Amino acid sequence: MKTTIDIPEQALADAMRYTQARSKREAVVIALEEFNRRRQMIELLRHAGTCDQLITPEALQAQRRQS
């Protein structure tokens, strides 16, 4: 998708340096992907330990032995 945005020069230069991108577009894409990945991890961590329907490793081993 093509779009026009005003990105501060220093922020873009930093993004290109940190991502080792060869183009401005590549730097922006990498930065967006990393941002989204981190937000998804935060969402997953919010749910950590909230599922009470998981079986213990011991129970799983017992089921495997019975099969």
C-alpha atoms as a PDB file:
ATOM      1  CA  MET A   1       0.000   0.000   0.000  1.00  0.00           C
ATOM      2  CA  LYS A   2       1.395   3.357  -0.949  1.00  0.00           C
ATOM      3  CA  THR A   3       1.032   6.251   1.429  1.00  0.00           C
ATOM      4  CA  THR A   4       2.739   9.546   2.168  1.00  0.00           C
ATOM      5  CA  ILE A   5       3.788  10.314   5.725  1.00  0.00           C
ATOM      6  CA  ASP A   6       6.085  12.819   7.391  1.00  0.00           C
ATOM      7  CA  ILE A   7       8.691  10.945   9.443  1.00  0.00           C
ATOM      8  CA  PRO A   8      11.234  12.887  11.491  1.00  0.00           C
ATOM      9  CA  GLU A   9      14.636  12.564   9.804  1.00  0.00           C
ATOM     10  CA  GLN A  10      16.493  11.510  12.945  1.00  0.00           C
ATOM     11  CA  ALA A  11      13.921   8.839  13.810  1.00  0.00           C
ATOM     12  CA  LEU A  12      14.174   7.379  10.302  1.00  0.00           C
ATOM     13  CA  ALA A  13      17.983   7.547  10.349  1.00  0.00           C
ATOM     14  CA  ASP A  14      18.021   5.714  13.686  1.00  0.00           C
ATOM     15  CA  ALA A  15      15.597   3.091  12.378  1.00  0.00           C
ATOM     16  CA  MET A  16      17.766   2.517   9.325  1.00  0.00           C
ATOM     17  CA  ARG A  17      20.872   2.187  11.505  1.00  0.00           C
ATOM     18  CA  TYR A  18      19.285  -0.173  14.049  1.00  0.00           C
ATOM     19  CA  THR A  19      17.588  -2.356  11.440  1.00  0.00           C
ATOM     20  CA  GLN A  20      20.514  -2.227   9.003  1.00  0.00           C
ATOM     21  CA  ALA A  21      17.932  -1.559   6.305  1.00  0.00           C
ATOM     22  CA  ARG A  22      19.065  -0.668   2.820  1.00  0.00           C
ATOM     23  CA  SER A  23      16.090   1.574   2.102  1.00  0.00           C
ATOM     24  CA  LYS A  24      13.727   3.826   3.998  1.00  0.00           C
ATOM     25  CA  ARG A  25      10.827   1.565   3.115  1.00  0.00           C
ATOM     26  CA  GLU A  26      12.614  -1.488   4.462  1.00  0.00           C
ATOM     27  CA  ALA A  27      13.413   0.343   7.714  1.00  0.00           C
ATOM     28  CA  VAL A  28       9.781   1.348   8.183  1.00  0.00           C
ATOM     29  CA  VAL A  29       8.498  -2.163   7.422  1.00  0.00           C
ATOM     30  CA  ILE A  30      10.964  -3.772   9.838  1.00  0.00           C
ATOM     31  CA  ALA A  31      10.126  -1.244  12.549  1.00  0.00           C
ATOM     32  CA  LEU A  32       6.388  -1.817  12.120  1.00  0.00           C
ATOM     33  CA  GLU A  33       6.784  -5.599  12.167  1.00  0.00           C
ATOM     34  CA  GLU A  34       8.902  -5.412  15.324  1.00  0.00           C
ATOM     35  CA  PHE A  35       6.422  -3.070  16.982  1.00  0.00           C
ATOM     36  CA  ASN A  36       3.525  -5.388  16.151  1.00  0.00           C
ATOM     37  CA  ARG A  37       5.452  -8.452  17.327  1.00  0.00           C
ATOM     38  CA  ARG A  38       6.202  -6.824  20.679  1.00  0.00           C
ATOM     39  CA  ARG A  39       2.576  -5.779  21.166  1.00  0.00           C
ATOM     40  CA  GLN A  40       1.413  -9.320  20.374  1.00  0.00           C
ATOM     41  CA  MET A  41       3.842 -10.678  22.967  1.00  0.00           C
ATOM     42  CA  ILE A  42       2.467  -8.235  25.546  1.00  0.00           C
ATOM     43  CA  GLU A  43      -1.054  -9.447  24.794  1.00  0.00           C
ATOM     44  CA  LEU A  44       0.024 -13.074  25.178  1.00  0.00           C
ATOM     45  CA  LEU A  45       1.761 -12.341  28.477  1.00  0.00           C
ATOM     46  CA  ARG A  46      -1.435 -10.825  29.846  1.00  0.00           C
ATOM     47  CA  HIS A  47      -3.035 -14.249  29.498  1.00  0.00           C
ATOM     48  CA  ALA A  48      -0.133 -16.203  30.987  1.00  0.00           C
ATOM     49  CA  GLY A  49      -1.288 -18.450  33.793  1.00  0.00           C
ATOM     50  CA  THR A  50      -4.974 -17.719  33.282  1.00  0.00           C
ATOM     51  CA  CYS A  51      -5.955 -21.033  31.704  1.00  0.00           C
ATOM     52  CA  ASP A  52      -7.016 -23.571  34.310  1.00  0.00           C
ATOM     53  CA  GLN A  53      -7.823 -26.294  31.796  1.00  0.00           C
ATOM     54  CA  LEU A  54      -4.245 -27.288  31.016  1.00  0.00           C
ATOM     55  CA  ILE A  55      -3.032 -30.634  32.290  1.00  0.00           C
ATOM     56  CA  THR A  56       0.172 -31.063  34.229  1.00  0.00           C
ATOM     57  CA  PRO A  57       3.226 -32.681  32.646  1.00  0.00           C
ATOM     58  CA  GLU A  58       2.739 -35.631  34.988  1.00  0.00           C
ATOM     59  CA  ALA A  59      -0.862 -36.148  33.887  1.00  0.00           C
ATOM     60  CA  LEU A  60       0.232 -35.964  30.260  1.00  0.00           C
ATOM     61  CA  GLN A  61       2.870 -38.648  30.845  1.00  0.00           C
ATOM     62  CA  ALA A  62       0.283 -40.854  32.567  1.00  0.00           C
ATOM     63  CA  GLN A  63      -2.085 -40.505  29.590  1.00  0.00           C
ATOM     64  CA  ARG A  64       0.719 -41.408  27.184  1.00  0.00           C
ATOM     65  CA  ARG A  65       1.549 -44.534  29.157  1.00  0.00           C
ATOM     66  CA  GLN A  66      -2.092 -45.663  29.079  1.00  0.00           C
ATOM     67  CA  SER A  67      -2.336 -45.323  25.296  1.00  0.00           C
END
